[in-house]
Amino acid sequence: MQISSQFTIAIHMLAYIALYQDKEKVTSDVLSGSIEVNPVIIRRLLSRLKGAGMITVHRGTGGTFMAKKPEEITLLDVYLTAENLKEEGLFRFHEHPNPKCPVGRDIHHALDGRLHEAQKALEDKLDTFTLADVKGDIHV
């Protein structure tokens, strides 16, 4: 199992914005340089974070700013926004197991609850950490 890098990139972006929004103009190019990923990826994530109300992006003069305080943003908020998880969830199941096979017939029954429980545990833990926790561990 692997969560995509969108989650950690989004945390990196938010930490950078929180630390530098008052010191320099934070743009997608600046963030791209810090993270070393394509600016298109940054702009996509900026759009999601803006849609979630975590940041504001000033057009024209430019710059990205926090719309919420870092202590108001949990890592769960970032995870759900960056990974774009709504109903699908962390674990993706193959859609059509063979109903004639004993394993195929019962695999959903055997796994669904367990996978839901594992995802819930991850989400509960992420909900205990905030962006302020991450920001506090970065030495500027």
N, C-alpha and C. Protein backbone atom coordinates (compact mmCIF):
# COMPACT_ATOMS: atom_id res chain seq x y z
N MET A 1 0.85 -1.17 0.00
CA MET A 1 0.00 0.00 0.00
C MET A 1 0.89 1.23 0.00
N GLN A 2 0.53 2.19 -0.79
CA GLN A 2 1.27 3.43 -0.81
C GLN A 2 0.33 4.58 -1.11
N ILE A 3 0.37 5.57 -0.27
CA ILE A 3 -0.38 6.80 -0.51
C ILE A 3 0.46 7.61 -1.49
N SER A 4 -0.18 8.28 -2.41
CA SER A 4 0.58 9.04 -3.40
C SER A 4 1.33 10.18 -2.72
N SER A 5 2.27 10.75 -3.43
CA SER A 5 3.07 11.84 -2.87
C SER A 5 2.28 13.15 -2.78
N GLN A 6 1.07 13.19 -3.30
CA GLN A 6 0.25 14.40 -3.24
C GLN A 6 0.08 14.87 -1.79
N PHE A 7 -0.09 13.93 -0.87
CA PHE A 7 -0.30 14.24 0.54
C PHE A 7 0.93 14.96 1.12
N THR A 8 2.11 14.40 0.96
CA THR A 8 3.29 15.02 1.54
C THR A 8 3.68 16.30 0.80
N ILE A 9 3.41 16.35 -0.48
CA ILE A 9 3.66 17.59 -1.23
C ILE A 9 2.76 18.70 -0.69
N ALA A 10 1.51 18.39 -0.43
CA ALA A 10 0.57 19.39 0.09
C ALA A 10 1.00 19.88 1.47
N ILE A 11 1.48 18.97 2.32
CA ILE A 11 1.96 19.38 3.63
C ILE A 11 3.19 20.29 3.47
N HIS A 12 4.10 19.91 2.59
CA HIS A 12 5.29 20.72 2.31
C HIS A 12 4.86 22.13 1.86
N MET A 13 3.91 22.19 0.94
CA MET A 13 3.44 23.48 0.44
C MET A 13 2.86 24.33 1.56
N LEU A 14 1.98 23.74 2.36
CA LEU A 14 1.34 24.48 3.44
C LEU A 14 2.36 24.96 4.47
N ALA A 15 3.32 24.12 4.80
CA ALA A 15 4.35 24.52 5.75
C ALA A 15 5.15 25.70 5.19
N TYR A 16 5.50 25.62 3.92
CA TYR A 16 6.26 26.69 3.29
C TYR A 16 5.45 27.99 3.30
N ILE A 17 4.19 27.90 2.92
CA ILE A 17 3.33 29.09 2.90
C ILE A 17 3.23 29.69 4.30
N ALA A 18 2.97 28.83 5.29
CA ALA A 18 2.83 29.31 6.67
C ALA A 18 4.10 29.99 7.17
N LEU A 19 5.25 29.47 6.78
CA LEU A 19 6.52 30.03 7.25
C LEU A 19 6.96 31.27 6.47
N TYR A 20 6.61 31.36 5.19
CA TYR A 20 7.19 32.41 4.36
C TYR A 20 6.20 33.41 3.77
N GLN A 21 4.92 33.26 4.01
CA GLN A 21 3.94 34.15 3.37
C GLN A 21 4.17 35.62 3.69
N ASP A 22 4.75 35.93 4.84
CA ASP A 22 4.99 37.33 5.22
C ASP A 22 6.41 37.79 4.87
N LYS A 23 7.22 36.89 4.32
CA LYS A 23 8.62 37.23 4.03
C LYS A 23 8.92 37.34 2.54
N GLU A 24 8.13 36.65 1.73
CA GLU A 24 8.36 36.66 0.28
C GLU A 24 7.05 36.33 -0.44
N LYS A 25 7.03 36.58 -1.73
CA LYS A 25 5.86 36.21 -2.52
C LYS A 25 5.93 34.71 -2.79
N VAL A 26 4.98 33.97 -2.25
CA VAL A 26 4.96 32.52 -2.43
C VAL A 26 4.11 32.20 -3.65
N THR A 27 4.76 31.73 -4.70
CA THR A 27 4.09 31.39 -5.96
C THR A 27 4.26 29.90 -6.24
N SER A 28 3.58 29.44 -7.26
CA SER A 28 3.72 28.03 -7.64
C SER A 28 5.15 27.73 -8.07
N ASP A 29 5.83 28.69 -8.69
CA ASP A 29 7.22 28.48 -9.09
C ASP A 29 8.14 28.37 -7.87
N VAL A 30 7.89 29.20 -6.87
CA VAL A 30 8.69 29.14 -5.63
C VAL A 30 8.48 27.80 -4.96
N LEU A 31 7.22 27.38 -4.84
CA LEU A 31 6.91 26.10 -4.21
C LEU A 31 7.50 24.94 -5.01
N SER A 32 7.41 25.04 -6.32
CA SER A 32 7.98 24.01 -7.19
C SER A 32 9.48 23.88 -6.96
N GLY A 33 10.17 25.01 -6.77
CA GLY A 33 11.59 24.98 -6.53
C GLY A 33 11.93 24.35 -5.18
N SER A 34 11.11 24.58 -4.19
CA SER A 34 11.35 24.01 -2.87
C SER A 34 11.11 22.50 -2.86
N ILE A 35 10.07 22.09 -3.56
CA ILE A 35 9.66 20.67 -3.55
C ILE A 35 10.34 19.88 -4.67
N GLU A 36 10.77 20.61 -5.70
CA GLU A 36 11.38 20.00 -6.89
C GLU A 36 10.43 19.08 -7.63
N VAL A 37 9.23 19.62 -7.88
CA VAL A 37 8.26 18.95 -8.74
C VAL A 37 7.75 19.97 -9.75
N ASN A 38 7.12 19.47 -10.78
CA ASN A 38 6.58 20.31 -11.84
C ASN A 38 5.56 21.31 -11.27
N PRO A 39 5.63 22.58 -11.70
CA PRO A 39 4.68 23.59 -11.23
C PRO A 39 3.21 23.22 -11.51
N VAL A 40 2.97 22.40 -12.52
CA VAL A 40 1.59 21.98 -12.81
C VAL A 40 1.02 21.18 -11.63
N ILE A 41 1.84 20.33 -11.05
CA ILE A 41 1.40 19.55 -9.88
C ILE A 41 1.10 20.51 -8.73
N ILE A 42 1.94 21.50 -8.54
CA ILE A 42 1.75 22.49 -7.48
C ILE A 42 0.44 23.25 -7.71
N ARG A 43 0.20 23.69 -8.94
CA ARG A 43 -1.02 24.46 -9.22
C ARG A 43 -2.28 23.63 -8.98
N ARG A 44 -2.23 22.35 -9.34
CA ARG A 44 -3.38 21.47 -9.08
C ARG A 44 -3.66 21.37 -7.59
N LEU A 45 -2.60 21.16 -6.82
CA LEU A 45 -2.77 21.05 -5.37
C LEU A 45 -3.18 22.39 -4.75
N LEU A 46 -2.64 23.48 -5.24
CA LEU A 46 -3.06 24.80 -4.75
C LEU A 46 -4.56 24.98 -4.96
N SER A 47 -5.04 24.55 -6.10
CA SER A 47 -6.47 24.66 -6.39
C SER A 47 -7.30 23.84 -5.38
N ARG A 48 -6.87 22.63 -5.08
CA ARG A 48 -7.58 21.80 -4.10
C ARG A 48 -7.54 22.42 -2.70
N LEU A 49 -6.37 22.90 -2.31
CA LEU A 49 -6.23 23.49 -0.98
C LEU A 49 -7.05 24.77 -0.87
N LYS A 50 -7.10 25.53 -1.95
CA LYS A 50 -7.94 26.73 -1.97
C LYS A 50 -9.41 26.35 -1.86
N GLY A 51 -9.82 25.34 -2.63
CA GLY A 51 -11.20 24.87 -2.58
C GLY A 51 -11.61 24.37 -1.20
N ALA A 52 -10.64 23.87 -0.45
CA ALA A 52 -10.91 23.38 0.91
C ALA A 52 -10.84 24.50 1.94
N GLY A 53 -10.55 25.72 1.48
CA GLY A 53 -10.52 26.87 2.38
C GLY A 53 -9.27 26.98 3.23
N MET A 54 -8.21 26.28 2.86
CA MET A 54 -6.97 26.33 3.66
C MET A 54 -6.08 27.51 3.26
N ILE A 55 -6.14 27.91 1.98
CA ILE A 55 -5.28 28.98 1.48
C ILE A 55 -6.10 29.94 0.62
N THR A 56 -5.50 31.09 0.37
CA THR A 56 -6.02 32.01 -0.63
C THR A 56 -4.89 32.27 -1.63
N VAL A 57 -5.25 32.47 -2.87
CA VAL A 57 -4.28 32.76 -3.91
C VAL A 57 -4.65 34.10 -4.51
N HIS A 58 -3.73 35.05 -4.46
CA HIS A 58 -3.99 36.38 -4.99
C HIS A 58 -3.56 36.44 -6.45
N ARG A 59 -4.50 36.68 -7.30
CA ARG A 59 -4.20 36.83 -8.73
C ARG A 59 -3.62 38.21 -8.97
N GLY A 60 -3.02 38.38 -10.11
CA GLY A 60 -2.45 39.69 -10.45
C GLY A 60 -1.12 39.89 -9.75
N THR A 61 -1.16 40.49 -8.56
CA THR A 61 0.08 40.72 -7.81
C THR A 61 0.68 39.41 -7.33
N GLY A 62 -0.14 38.40 -7.24
CA GLY A 62 0.34 37.06 -6.92
C GLY A 62 0.59 36.84 -5.45
N GLY A 63 0.88 35.61 -5.16
CA GLY A 63 1.16 35.23 -3.79
C GLY A 63 0.10 34.31 -3.23
N THR A 64 0.53 33.45 -2.35
CA THR A 64 -0.35 32.49 -1.70
C THR A 64 -0.25 32.71 -0.20
N PHE A 65 -1.40 32.68 0.46
CA PHE A 65 -1.47 32.97 1.89
C PHE A 65 -2.35 31.94 2.58
N MET A 66 -2.08 31.74 3.85
CA MET A 66 -2.90 30.84 4.66
C MET A 66 -4.26 31.50 4.89
N ALA A 67 -5.33 30.74 4.71
CA ALA A 67 -6.68 31.21 5.00
C ALA A 67 -7.11 30.77 6.39
N LYS A 68 -6.42 29.77 6.92
CA LYS A 68 -6.66 29.27 8.28
C LYS A 68 -5.34 29.28 9.02
N LYS A 69 -5.42 29.28 10.32
CA LYS A 69 -4.21 29.17 11.14
C LYS A 69 -3.70 27.73 11.06
N PRO A 70 -2.39 27.54 11.11
CA PRO A 70 -1.83 26.18 11.04
C PRO A 70 -2.40 25.23 12.09
N GLU A 71 -2.74 25.75 13.27
CA GLU A 71 -3.31 24.89 14.30
C GLU A 71 -4.76 24.48 14.00
N GLU A 72 -5.36 25.09 13.00
CA GLU A 72 -6.73 24.75 12.61
C GLU A 72 -6.77 23.72 11.48
N ILE A 73 -5.63 23.36 10.94
CA ILE A 73 -5.56 22.42 9.81
C ILE A 73 -4.93 21.13 10.30
N THR A 74 -5.70 20.06 10.30
CA THR A 74 -5.14 18.77 10.70
C THR A 74 -4.52 18.08 9.49
N LEU A 75 -3.65 17.13 9.78
CA LEU A 75 -3.08 16.35 8.67
C LEU A 75 -4.17 15.53 8.00
N LEU A 76 -5.23 15.20 8.73
CA LEU A 76 -6.36 14.51 8.10
C LEU A 76 -7.02 15.42 7.06
N ASP A 77 -7.19 16.70 7.39
CA ASP A 77 -7.76 17.65 6.42
C ASP A 77 -6.92 17.67 5.14
N VAL A 78 -5.61 17.72 5.31
CA VAL A 78 -4.71 17.77 4.15
C VAL A 78 -4.77 16.47 3.37
N TYR A 79 -4.76 15.36 4.09
CA TYR A 79 -4.82 14.03 3.47
C TYR A 79 -6.07 13.89 2.61
N LEU A 80 -7.22 14.23 3.17
CA LEU A 80 -8.47 14.07 2.43
C LEU A 80 -8.54 15.01 1.23
N THR A 81 -7.98 16.21 1.37
CA THR A 81 -7.98 17.18 0.27
C THR A 81 -6.98 16.79 -0.82
N ALA A 82 -5.76 16.48 -0.41
CA ALA A 82 -4.71 16.20 -1.39
C ALA A 82 -4.94 14.90 -2.14
N GLU A 83 -5.37 13.89 -1.43
CA GLU A 83 -5.60 12.59 -2.06
C GLU A 83 -6.95 12.54 -2.75
N ASN A 84 -7.75 13.59 -2.54
CA ASN A 84 -9.06 13.70 -3.17
C ASN A 84 -9.94 12.48 -2.83
N LEU A 85 -9.89 12.08 -1.58
CA LEU A 85 -10.66 10.92 -1.12
C LEU A 85 -12.02 11.38 -0.61
N LYS A 86 -13.02 10.91 -1.23
CA LYS A 86 -14.37 11.23 -0.78
C LYS A 86 -15.04 9.92 -0.40
N GLU A 87 -15.52 9.21 -1.36
CA GLU A 87 -16.22 7.96 -1.09
C GLU A 87 -15.35 6.74 -1.37
N GLU A 88 -14.38 6.89 -2.24
CA GLU A 88 -13.59 5.75 -2.69
C GLU A 88 -12.74 5.15 -1.58
N GLY A 89 -12.12 5.97 -0.78
CA GLY A 89 -11.31 5.48 0.31
C GLY A 89 -9.88 5.15 -0.11
N LEU A 90 -9.11 4.79 0.87
CA LEU A 90 -7.69 4.51 0.67
C LEU A 90 -7.46 3.23 -0.10
N PHE A 91 -8.23 2.21 0.22
CA PHE A 91 -8.05 0.91 -0.41
C PHE A 91 -9.00 0.77 -1.60
N ARG A 92 -8.45 0.44 -2.73
CA ARG A 92 -9.26 0.23 -3.92
C ARG A 92 -9.37 -1.27 -4.15
N PHE A 93 -10.59 -1.71 -4.35
CA PHE A 93 -10.87 -3.13 -4.50
C PHE A 93 -11.11 -3.44 -5.96
N HIS A 94 -10.63 -4.60 -6.41
CA HIS A 94 -10.96 -5.03 -7.76
C HIS A 94 -12.49 -5.22 -7.80
N GLU A 95 -13.08 -4.79 -8.88
CA GLU A 95 -14.54 -4.63 -8.90
C GLU A 95 -15.33 -5.91 -9.09
N HIS A 96 -14.83 -6.84 -9.84
CA HIS A 96 -15.67 -7.98 -10.21
C HIS A 96 -15.00 -9.32 -9.91
N PRO A 97 -14.85 -9.66 -8.61
CA PRO A 97 -14.30 -10.98 -8.34
C PRO A 97 -15.30 -12.05 -8.82
N ASN A 98 -14.79 -13.20 -9.16
CA ASN A 98 -15.61 -14.28 -9.71
C ASN A 98 -16.57 -14.82 -8.63
N PRO A 99 -17.87 -14.65 -8.81
CA PRO A 99 -18.84 -15.12 -7.81
C PRO A 99 -18.94 -16.64 -7.75
N LYS A 100 -18.41 -17.33 -8.76
CA LYS A 100 -18.43 -18.80 -8.75
C LYS A 100 -17.27 -19.38 -7.93
N CYS A 101 -16.28 -18.56 -7.65
CA CYS A 101 -15.13 -18.98 -6.86
C CYS A 101 -15.42 -18.71 -5.38
N PRO A 102 -15.15 -19.65 -4.49
CA PRO A 102 -15.41 -19.41 -3.07
C PRO A 102 -14.68 -18.18 -2.53
N VAL A 103 -13.45 -17.96 -2.96
CA VAL A 103 -12.70 -16.79 -2.51
C VAL A 103 -13.30 -15.53 -3.13
N GLY A 104 -13.53 -15.55 -4.42
CA GLY A 104 -14.12 -14.40 -5.11
C GLY A 104 -15.47 -14.02 -4.54
N ARG A 105 -16.26 -15.02 -4.17
CA ARG A 105 -17.60 -14.80 -3.64
C ARG A 105 -17.55 -14.10 -2.27
N ASP A 106 -16.56 -14.44 -1.45
CA ASP A 106 -16.54 -13.95 -0.07
C ASP A 106 -15.44 -12.92 0.25
N ILE A 107 -14.65 -12.56 -0.75
CA ILE A 107 -13.51 -11.68 -0.46
C ILE A 107 -13.95 -10.32 0.09
N HIS A 108 -15.02 -9.77 -0.44
CA HIS A 108 -15.50 -8.48 0.09
C HIS A 108 -15.95 -8.64 1.54
N HIS A 109 -16.69 -9.69 1.81
CA HIS A 109 -17.14 -9.95 3.18
C HIS A 109 -15.95 -10.11 4.13
N ALA A 110 -14.91 -10.77 3.67
CA ALA A 110 -13.74 -11.04 4.51
C ALA A 110 -12.86 -9.81 4.72
N LEU A 111 -12.82 -8.90 3.74
CA LEU A 111 -11.87 -7.79 3.80
C LEU A 111 -12.46 -6.41 4.06
N ASP A 112 -13.64 -6.14 3.58
CA ASP A 112 -14.18 -4.78 3.63
C ASP A 112 -14.13 -4.17 5.03
N GLY A 113 -14.61 -4.87 6.02
CA GLY A 113 -14.63 -4.35 7.38
C GLY A 113 -13.24 -4.09 7.92
N ARG A 114 -12.33 -4.99 7.66
CA ARG A 114 -10.95 -4.84 8.13
C ARG A 114 -10.26 -3.64 7.49
N LEU A 115 -10.45 -3.51 6.19
CA LEU A 115 -9.83 -2.38 5.49
C LEU A 115 -10.44 -1.06 5.95
N HIS A 116 -11.73 -1.05 6.18
CA HIS A 116 -12.38 0.15 6.70
C HIS A 116 -11.81 0.49 8.08
N GLU A 117 -11.62 -0.50 8.92
CA GLU A 117 -11.06 -0.30 10.26
C GLU A 117 -9.63 0.24 10.19
N ALA A 118 -8.83 -0.27 9.27
CA ALA A 118 -7.45 0.19 9.10
C ALA A 118 -7.43 1.65 8.63
N GLN A 119 -8.29 1.97 7.68
CA GLN A 119 -8.35 3.34 7.19
C GLN A 119 -8.81 4.28 8.30
N LYS A 120 -9.78 3.85 9.07
CA LYS A 120 -10.29 4.67 10.18
C LYS A 120 -9.18 4.94 11.19
N ALA A 121 -8.36 3.94 11.50
CA ALA A 121 -7.25 4.12 12.45
C ALA A 121 -6.25 5.15 11.92
N LEU A 122 -5.92 5.06 10.63
CA LEU A 122 -5.02 6.04 10.02
C LEU A 122 -5.61 7.44 10.10
N GLU A 123 -6.87 7.57 9.73
CA GLU A 123 -7.52 8.87 9.74
C GLU A 123 -7.61 9.44 11.16
N ASP A 124 -7.92 8.59 12.14
CA ASP A 124 -7.99 9.05 13.53
C ASP A 124 -6.64 9.58 13.99
N LYS A 125 -5.55 8.89 13.61
CA LYS A 125 -4.21 9.34 14.01
C LYS A 125 -3.84 10.64 13.31
N LEU A 126 -4.10 10.74 12.01
CA LEU A 126 -3.80 11.98 11.27
C LEU A 126 -4.56 13.17 11.84
N ASP A 127 -5.73 12.91 12.40
CA ASP A 127 -6.56 13.96 12.96
C ASP A 127 -5.98 14.52 14.26
N THR A 128 -4.97 13.85 14.83
CA THR A 128 -4.37 14.32 16.08
C THR A 128 -3.19 15.26 15.83
N PHE A 129 -2.72 15.35 14.59
CA PHE A 129 -1.60 16.23 14.25
C PHE A 129 -2.10 17.42 13.44
N THR A 130 -1.48 18.57 13.65
CA THR A 130 -1.85 19.76 12.89
C THR A 130 -0.66 20.25 12.07
N LEU A 131 -0.96 21.16 11.17
CA LEU A 131 0.11 21.81 10.40
C LEU A 131 1.04 22.57 11.34
N ALA A 132 0.51 23.07 12.45
CA ALA A 132 1.36 23.77 13.43
C ALA A 132 2.41 22.83 14.00
N ASP A 133 2.06 21.55 14.20
CA ASP A 133 3.03 20.57 14.67
C ASP A 133 4.18 20.41 13.68
N VAL A 134 3.84 20.31 12.41
CA VAL A 134 4.85 20.16 11.36
C VAL A 134 5.69 21.43 11.27
N LYS A 135 5.02 22.56 11.23
CA LYS A 135 5.71 23.85 11.13
C LYS A 135 6.69 24.03 12.29
N GLY A 136 6.30 23.60 13.47
CA GLY A 136 7.15 23.74 14.65
C GLY A 136 8.41 22.91 14.60
N ASP A 137 8.41 21.86 13.79
CA ASP A 137 9.59 21.00 13.67
C ASP A 137 10.53 21.41 12.53
N ILE A 138 10.18 22.46 11.82
CA ILE A 138 11.02 22.94 10.72
C ILE A 138 11.86 24.11 11.24
N HIS A 139 13.15 23.98 11.11
CA HIS A 139 14.08 25.00 11.62
C HIS A 139 14.44 25.95 10.49
N VAL A 140 13.93 27.15 10.60
CA VAL A 140 14.15 28.17 9.58
C VAL A 140 15.28 29.08 10.01
